[in-house]
Every structure is written in C-alpha cells, then in structure tokens.
C-alpha cells in the first residue's frame, strides 16, 4: 500500500480543501439536476443571491375586450422568497397594454415606498418588457406617459431587471388581475378602489 505522504501524492490538507468545495459530500453521486443551477447555491459563502436584497415581483394586466373592463394584479416576494404584498386594481374601460403598465407602476411604487433597493420584475407582456429594455419603441401615445413614469421610477433603484415569462409563469398575478376585473364589473364603486395587501 502506498503512503499518502509520498512526494507525488496530493497533500491531505489540499485534498480536504478541494473536497470542501464540492456541492455534495464524498461518496454521494452528483445528480444531473443539481447542475442546472448554481452548484454553490447551498454553500455557506454562496447564499449571496438569497441575501443580496433582490425582491421579485410578478405583475400582470388584462382587459376583457381590447379595450374593455381592465385590471392588474401583482405579487411581490422578498429576497427569501416570502410573499410581502399582493396588489390589484380595477382600471375601468382600458386596453390590456394599459393594464400591464399600470401593474408595473404599482409594483415600482410599492417597492420604492417600502425601501426596496433591488427589484426584478417578471411579466408575460413581451411588448412591455421589450419597451422597458429599449428594444421596442413606444409608438402608442396613450402608453408613452406610462412608459416614461416607469422609466423614471426604475432609475431610482440600485438594481432593476425585467424578465419575460410565459403566461404559466405568472399565474397568481393573472388570478389577482382577473379578480380585480370581476369585482370591478360586479360592483364598480368598490372595484375602482385599489386593493393592497401588505405582509410587512
């Protein structure tokens, strides 16, 4: 049997150091699914993403008819993934794109009012996401002031990102938007009032 101390062997201290960097303990297979994300997400010094202060907001807006009875819904989570607010509002007779922007503006306003410094917004409106990123120009005169206000608010964050998702990735925000439209169509006076539930 060879000794681990010969000159061509890896020193024990170095071996232990390298082993400590592995995302699983020695002897356990590294499942392929664990390689689809950050390999170090469970390491002590790799919880940066969870503790970096990035909040995540899912927002959605829609109208029944375009234009038609419209509303938005949004869900905001803190850096630990805990829901801290649900927002919704009936908007009256508007277009779906108008409702999408009003949902975004509600999220931005809530986040700034509550001291959020880094915000990721997820939306299933490809148009709005691309307009906010500067990929598409805002040609609709009715949307331009909403876009300008969203840009002004977004610049006040230390970090701001927008991401597009398919409708299935925005289910709760979609549900809240539809609830706002239901309430607005059923009882207009109460439905026109903004509904905000904060968990702070």
C-alpha atoms as a PDB file:
ATOM      1  CA  UNK A   1       0.000   0.000   0.000  1.00  0.00           C
ATOM      2  CA  UNK A   2       1.315   3.442  -0.923  1.00  0.00           C
ATOM      3  CA  UNK A   3       1.567   6.125   1.689  1.00  0.00           C
ATOM      4  CA  UNK A   4      -0.419   9.357   1.166  1.00  0.00           C
ATOM      5  CA  UNK A   5       2.667  11.275   2.173  1.00  0.00           C
ATOM      6  CA  UNK A   6       4.926  10.485  -0.785  1.00  0.00           C
ATOM      7  CA  UNK A   7       6.089  13.419  -2.897  1.00  0.00           C
ATOM      8  CA  UNK A   8       3.770  12.694  -5.822  1.00  0.00           C
ATOM      9  CA  UNK A   9       0.582  12.467  -3.774  1.00  0.00           C
ATOM     10  CA  UNK A  10      -1.835  15.336  -3.213  1.00  0.00           C
ATOM     11  CA  UNK A  11      -1.241  16.660   0.322  1.00  0.00           C
ATOM     12  CA  UNK A  12      -4.077  15.764   2.665  1.00  0.00           C
ATOM     13  CA  UNK A  13      -4.786  19.413   3.519  1.00  0.00           C
ATOM     14  CA  UNK A  14      -5.164  20.309  -0.175  1.00  0.00           C
ATOM     15  CA  UNK A  15      -7.397  17.284  -0.765  1.00  0.00           C
ATOM     16  CA  UNK A  16      -9.687  18.226   2.116  1.00  0.00           C
ATOM     17  CA  UNK A  17      -9.854  21.818   0.902  1.00  0.00           C
ATOM     18  CA  UNK A  18     -10.853  20.723  -2.607  1.00  0.00           C
ATOM     19  CA  UNK A  19     -13.376  18.267  -1.212  1.00  0.00           C
ATOM     20  CA  UNK A  20     -14.982  21.020   0.844  1.00  0.00           C
ATOM     21  CA  UNK A  21     -15.764  22.914  -2.357  1.00  0.00           C
ATOM     22  CA  UNK A  22     -17.911  20.101  -3.729  1.00  0.00           C
ATOM     23  CA  UNK A  23     -21.706  20.678  -3.540  1.00  0.00           C
ATOM     24  CA  UNK A  24     -22.179  17.202  -2.089  1.00  0.00           C
ATOM     25  CA  UNK A  25     -20.219  15.046   0.298  1.00  0.00           C
ATOM     26  CA  UNK A  26     -17.740  12.452  -0.975  1.00  0.00           C
ATOM     27  CA  UNK A  27     -19.325   9.142  -1.819  1.00  0.00           C
ATOM     28  CA  UNK A  28     -22.643  10.718  -2.870  1.00  0.00           C
ATOM     29  CA  UNK A  29     -23.315  10.930  -6.630  1.00  0.00           C
ATOM     30  CA  UNK A  30     -23.824  14.410  -8.063  1.00  0.00           C
ATOM     31  CA  UNK A  31     -27.267  14.224  -9.638  1.00  0.00           C
ATOM     32  CA  UNK A  32     -27.527  15.913 -13.044  1.00  0.00           C
ATOM     33  CA  UNK A  33     -30.436  18.067 -11.886  1.00  0.00           C
ATOM     34  CA  UNK A  34     -28.204  19.809  -9.364  1.00  0.00           C
ATOM     35  CA  UNK A  35     -26.078  21.036 -12.254  1.00  0.00           C
ATOM     36  CA  UNK A  36     -28.853  23.040 -13.910  1.00  0.00           C
ATOM     37  CA  UNK A  37     -28.489  25.936 -11.490  1.00  0.00           C
ATOM     38  CA  UNK A  38     -25.795  27.366  -9.264  1.00  0.00           C
ATOM     39  CA  UNK A  39     -23.685  24.498  -7.954  1.00  0.00           C
ATOM     40  CA  UNK A  40     -22.745  26.537  -4.918  1.00  0.00           C
ATOM     41  CA  UNK A  41     -26.216  27.777  -4.009  1.00  0.00           C
ATOM     42  CA  UNK A  42     -26.155  25.777  -0.757  1.00  0.00           C
ATOM     43  CA  UNK A  43     -22.594  26.650   0.228  1.00  0.00           C
ATOM     44  CA  UNK A  44     -22.142  28.981   3.189  1.00  0.00           C
ATOM     45  CA  UNK A  45     -20.476  31.698   1.164  1.00  0.00           C
ATOM     46  CA  UNK A  46     -22.766  31.251  -1.816  1.00  0.00           C
ATOM     47  CA  UNK A  47     -26.007  32.407  -0.273  1.00  0.00           C
ATOM     48  CA  UNK A  48     -25.274  35.785  -1.800  1.00  0.00           C
ATOM     49  CA  UNK A  49     -28.215  35.550  -4.191  1.00  0.00           C
ATOM     50  CA  UNK A  50     -30.641  34.855  -1.368  1.00  0.00           C
ATOM     51  CA  UNK A  51     -29.296  37.643   0.816  1.00  0.00           C
ATOM     52  CA  UNK A  52     -28.434  40.253  -1.804  1.00  0.00           C
ATOM     53  CA  UNK A  53     -31.654  42.173  -1.250  1.00  0.00           C
ATOM     54  CA  UNK A  54     -33.216  41.369  -4.624  1.00  0.00           C
ATOM     55  CA  UNK A  55     -37.009  41.379  -4.413  1.00  0.00           C
ATOM     56  CA  UNK A  56     -39.038  39.677  -7.151  1.00  0.00           C
ATOM     57  CA  UNK A  57     -42.388  40.909  -8.430  1.00  0.00           C
ATOM     58  CA  UNK A  58     -44.746  39.117 -10.799  1.00  0.00           C
ATOM     59  CA  UNK A  59     -47.207  41.506 -12.403  1.00  0.00           C
ATOM     60  CA  UNK A  60     -49.984  41.069 -14.929  1.00  0.00           C
ATOM     61  CA  UNK A  61     -52.667  43.184 -16.520  1.00  0.00           C
ATOM     62  CA  UNK A  62     -55.554  42.424 -18.815  1.00  0.00           C
ATOM     63  CA  UNK A  63     -58.813  43.575 -20.268  1.00  0.00           C
ATOM     64  CA  UNK A  64     -61.972  41.766 -21.327  1.00  0.00           C
ATOM     65  CA  UNK A  65     -62.211  43.132 -24.799  1.00  0.00           C
ATOM     66  CA  UNK A  66     -59.476  45.432 -26.031  1.00  0.00           C
ATOM     67  CA  UNK A  67     -60.371  47.950 -24.779  1.00  0.00           C
ATOM     68  CA  UNK A  68     -62.765  46.670 -22.155  1.00  0.00           C
ATOM     69  CA  UNK A  69     -63.079  46.190 -18.392  1.00  0.00           C
ATOM     70  CA  UNK A  70     -59.455  46.074 -17.239  1.00  0.00           C
ATOM     71  CA  UNK A  71     -57.411  45.358 -14.149  1.00  0.00           C
ATOM     72  CA  UNK A  72     -53.997  44.364 -12.913  1.00  0.00           C
ATOM     73  CA  UNK A  73     -52.584  42.033 -10.295  1.00  0.00           C
ATOM     74  CA  UNK A  74     -49.129  41.662  -8.764  1.00  0.00           C
ATOM     75  CA  UNK A  75     -47.307  39.539  -6.194  1.00  0.00           C
ATOM     76  CA  UNK A  76     -44.106  40.748  -4.547  1.00  0.00           C
ATOM     77  CA  UNK A  77     -41.622  38.444  -2.794  1.00  0.00           C
ATOM     78  CA  UNK A  78     -38.643  39.395  -0.655  1.00  0.00           C
ATOM     79  CA  UNK A  79     -35.119  38.044  -1.100  1.00  0.00           C
ATOM     80  CA  UNK A  80     -36.033  34.924   0.866  1.00  0.00           C
ATOM     81  CA  UNK A  81     -38.984  34.136  -1.397  1.00  0.00           C
ATOM     82  CA  UNK A  82     -41.630  35.180   1.133  1.00  0.00           C
ATOM     83  CA  UNK A  83     -44.691  36.997  -0.219  1.00  0.00           C
ATOM     84  CA  UNK A  84     -44.717  40.514   1.221  1.00  0.00           C
ATOM     85  CA  UNK A  85     -47.507  42.099  -0.824  1.00  0.00           C
ATOM     86  CA  UNK A  86     -50.323  41.382  -3.235  1.00  0.00           C
ATOM     87  CA  UNK A  87     -51.615  44.295  -5.303  1.00  0.00           C
ATOM     88  CA  UNK A  88     -54.662  44.598  -7.547  1.00  0.00           C
ATOM     89  CA  UNK A  89     -56.884  47.291  -9.026  1.00  0.00           C
ATOM     90  CA  UNK A  90     -59.840  47.598 -11.369  1.00  0.00           C
ATOM     91  CA  UNK A  91     -58.998  50.191 -14.025  1.00  0.00           C
ATOM     92  CA  UNK A  92     -62.310  50.751 -15.761  1.00  0.00           C
ATOM     93  CA  UNK A  93     -62.504  50.632 -19.566  1.00  0.00           C
ATOM     94  CA  UNK A  94     -58.913  50.306 -20.810  1.00  0.00           C
ATOM     95  CA  UNK A  95     -56.648  48.294 -23.116  1.00  0.00           C
ATOM     96  CA  UNK A  96     -54.667  45.280 -21.996  1.00  0.00           C
ATOM     97  CA  UNK A  97     -51.346  47.089 -22.574  1.00  0.00           C
ATOM     98  CA  UNK A  98     -52.506  49.989 -20.414  1.00  0.00           C
ATOM     99  CA  UNK A  99     -53.348  47.482 -17.667  1.00  0.00           C
ATOM    100  CA  UNK A 100     -49.923  45.827 -17.971  1.00  0.00           C
ATOM    101  CA  UNK A 101     -48.184  49.176 -17.439  1.00  0.00           C
ATOM    102  CA  UNK A 102     -50.418  50.095 -14.515  1.00  0.00           C
ATOM    103  CA  UNK A 103     -49.460  46.810 -12.860  1.00  0.00           C
ATOM    104  CA  UNK A 104     -45.775  47.580 -13.372  1.00  0.00           C
ATOM    105  CA  UNK A 105     -46.189  51.105 -11.998  1.00  0.00           C
ATOM    106  CA  UNK A 106     -47.976  49.766  -8.911  1.00  0.00           C
ATOM    107  CA  UNK A 107     -45.092  47.361  -8.255  1.00  0.00           C
ATOM    108  CA  UNK A 108     -42.449  50.059  -8.697  1.00  0.00           C
ATOM    109  CA  UNK A 109     -44.301  52.493  -6.435  1.00  0.00           C
ATOM    110  CA  UNK A 110     -44.819  49.879  -3.705  1.00  0.00           C
ATOM    111  CA  UNK A 111     -41.184  48.780  -3.804  1.00  0.00           C
ATOM    112  CA  UNK A 112     -39.834  52.329  -3.533  1.00  0.00           C
ATOM    113  CA  UNK A 113     -42.265  53.211  -0.740  1.00  0.00           C
ATOM    114  CA  UNK A 114     -41.110  50.150   1.214  1.00  0.00           C
ATOM    115  CA  UNK A 115     -37.376  50.703   0.877  1.00  0.00           C
ATOM    116  CA  UNK A 116     -36.631  48.040  -1.726  1.00  0.00           C
ATOM    117  CA  UNK A 117     -33.321  48.783  -3.456  1.00  0.00           C
ATOM    118  CA  UNK A 118     -33.035  45.878  -5.913  1.00  0.00           C
ATOM    119  CA  UNK A 119     -36.014  44.626  -7.883  1.00  0.00           C
ATOM    120  CA  UNK A 120     -36.646  42.015 -10.535  1.00  0.00           C
ATOM    121  CA  UNK A 121     -39.978  42.260 -12.337  1.00  0.00           C
ATOM    122  CA  UNK A 122     -41.419  39.266 -14.178  1.00  0.00           C
ATOM    123  CA  UNK A 123     -44.176  39.881 -16.744  1.00  0.00           C
ATOM    124  CA  UNK A 124     -45.826  37.889 -19.500  1.00  0.00           C
ATOM    125  CA  UNK A 125     -46.154  41.042 -21.621  1.00  0.00           C
ATOM    126  CA  UNK A 126     -43.356  40.712 -24.153  1.00  0.00           C
ATOM    127  CA  UNK A 127     -44.232  44.147 -25.550  1.00  0.00           C
ATOM    128  CA  UNK A 128     -43.837  45.910 -22.195  1.00  0.00           C
ATOM    129  CA  UNK A 129     -40.639  44.072 -21.286  1.00  0.00           C
ATOM    130  CA  UNK A 130     -39.045  44.915 -24.627  1.00  0.00           C
ATOM    131  CA  UNK A 131     -40.178  48.520 -24.417  1.00  0.00           C
ATOM    132  CA  UNK A 132     -38.757  48.877 -20.914  1.00  0.00           C
ATOM    133  CA  UNK A 133     -35.450  47.412 -22.116  1.00  0.00           C
ATOM    134  CA  UNK A 134     -35.350  49.811 -25.068  1.00  0.00           C
ATOM    135  CA  UNK A 135     -35.658  47.055 -27.676  1.00  0.00           C
ATOM    136  CA  UNK A 136     -39.038  48.354 -28.915  1.00  0.00           C
ATOM    137  CA  UNK A 137     -40.062  51.992 -29.235  1.00  0.00           C
ATOM    138  CA  UNK A 138     -43.273  53.155 -27.601  1.00  0.00           C
ATOM    139  CA  UNK A 139     -45.440  54.235 -30.518  1.00  0.00           C
ATOM    140  CA  UNK A 140     -48.785  54.383 -28.722  1.00  0.00           C
ATOM    141  CA  UNK A 141     -49.466  57.897 -27.416  1.00  0.00           C
ATOM    142  CA  UNK A 142     -51.560  56.543 -24.557  1.00  0.00           C
ATOM    143  CA  UNK A 143     -48.759  54.289 -23.311  1.00  0.00           C
ATOM    144  CA  UNK A 144     -45.938  56.811 -23.660  1.00  0.00           C
ATOM    145  CA  UNK A 145     -46.545  58.688 -20.368  1.00  0.00           C
ATOM    146  CA  UNK A 146     -46.861  55.354 -18.529  1.00  0.00           C
ATOM    147  CA  UNK A 147     -43.561  54.175 -20.013  1.00  0.00           C
ATOM    148  CA  UNK A 148     -41.891  57.465 -19.102  1.00  0.00           C
ATOM    149  CA  UNK A 149     -43.086  57.189 -15.499  1.00  0.00           C
ATOM    150  CA  UNK A 150     -41.975  53.556 -15.282  1.00  0.00           C
ATOM    151  CA  UNK A 151     -38.530  54.515 -16.577  1.00  0.00           C
ATOM    152  CA  UNK A 152     -38.281  57.347 -14.040  1.00  0.00           C
ATOM    153  CA  UNK A 153     -39.201  55.059 -11.143  1.00  0.00           C
ATOM    154  CA  UNK A 154     -36.961  52.221 -12.324  1.00  0.00           C
ATOM    155  CA  UNK A 155     -33.931  54.536 -12.321  1.00  0.00           C
ATOM    156  CA  UNK A 156     -34.368  55.095  -8.581  1.00  0.00           C
ATOM    157  CA  UNK A 157     -33.372  51.512  -7.719  1.00  0.00           C
ATOM    158  CA  UNK A 158     -29.782  50.422  -7.124  1.00  0.00           C
ATOM    159  CA  UNK A 159     -30.567  47.401  -9.279  1.00  0.00           C
ATOM    160  CA  UNK A 160     -33.505  46.797 -11.612  1.00  0.00           C
ATOM    161  CA  UNK A 161     -34.226  43.976 -14.056  1.00  0.00           C
ATOM    162  CA  UNK A 162     -37.195  42.926 -16.147  1.00  0.00           C
ATOM    163  CA  UNK A 163     -37.782  39.431 -17.399  1.00  0.00           C
ATOM    164  CA  UNK A 164     -40.372  37.909 -19.708  1.00  0.00           C
ATOM    165  CA  UNK A 165     -42.232  34.727 -18.831  1.00  0.00           C
ATOM    166  CA  UNK A 166     -44.975  32.750 -20.479  1.00  0.00           C
ATOM    167  CA  UNK A 167     -48.448  33.017 -19.008  1.00  0.00           C
ATOM    168  CA  UNK A 168     -47.983  29.857 -16.963  1.00  0.00           C
ATOM    169  CA  UNK A 169     -45.186  31.533 -15.021  1.00  0.00           C
ATOM    170  CA  UNK A 170     -47.436  34.365 -13.890  1.00  0.00           C
ATOM    171  CA  UNK A 171     -50.460  32.501 -12.543  1.00  0.00           C
ATOM    172  CA  UNK A 172     -51.036  34.280  -9.245  1.00  0.00           C
ATOM    173  CA  UNK A 173     -50.658  37.751 -10.744  1.00  0.00           C
ATOM    174  CA  UNK A 174     -53.066  36.719 -13.511  1.00  0.00           C
ATOM    175  CA  UNK A 175     -55.554  35.478 -10.900  1.00  0.00           C
ATOM    176  CA  UNK A 176     -55.370  38.771  -8.998  1.00  0.00           C
ATOM    177  CA  UNK A 177     -55.886  40.747 -12.207  1.00  0.00           C
ATOM    178  CA  UNK A 178     -58.962  38.681 -13.045  1.00  0.00           C
ATOM    179  CA  UNK A 179     -60.318  39.082  -9.512  1.00  0.00           C
ATOM    180  CA  UNK A 180     -59.934  42.849  -9.879  1.00  0.00           C
ATOM    181  CA  UNK A 181     -61.890  42.737 -13.143  1.00  0.00           C
ATOM    182  CA  UNK A 182     -64.572  40.544 -11.559  1.00  0.00           C
ATOM    183  CA  UNK A 183     -65.011  42.958  -8.657  1.00  0.00           C
ATOM    184  CA  UNK A 184     -64.968  45.969 -10.932  1.00  0.00           C
ATOM    185  CA  UNK A 185     -67.608  44.574 -13.225  1.00  0.00           C
ATOM    186  CA  UNK A 186     -69.772  43.426 -10.331  1.00  0.00           C
ATOM    187  CA  UNK A 187     -69.562  46.445  -8.012  1.00  0.00           C
ATOM    188  CA  UNK A 188     -67.960  49.350  -9.807  1.00  0.00           C
ATOM    189  CA  UNK A 189     -67.689  51.697  -6.859  1.00  0.00           C
ATOM    190  CA  UNK A 190     -65.798  49.241  -4.692  1.00  0.00           C
ATOM    191  CA  UNK A 191     -63.921  47.753  -7.639  1.00  0.00           C
ATOM    192  CA  UNK A 192     -62.393  51.068  -8.598  1.00  0.00           C
ATOM    193  CA  UNK A 193     -60.614  51.258  -5.261  1.00  0.00           C
ATOM    194  CA  UNK A 194     -57.090  49.911  -5.126  1.00  0.00           C
ATOM    195  CA  UNK A 195     -56.701  46.682  -3.174  1.00  0.00           C
ATOM    196  CA  UNK A 196     -53.329  46.307  -1.495  1.00  0.00           C
ATOM    197  CA  UNK A 197     -52.476  43.616   0.997  1.00  0.00           C
ATOM    198  CA  UNK A 198     -49.065  44.034   2.575  1.00  0.00           C
ATOM    199  CA  UNK A 199     -47.395  41.413   4.729  1.00  0.00           C
ATOM    200  CA  UNK A 200     -44.825  43.737   6.295  1.00  0.00           C
END
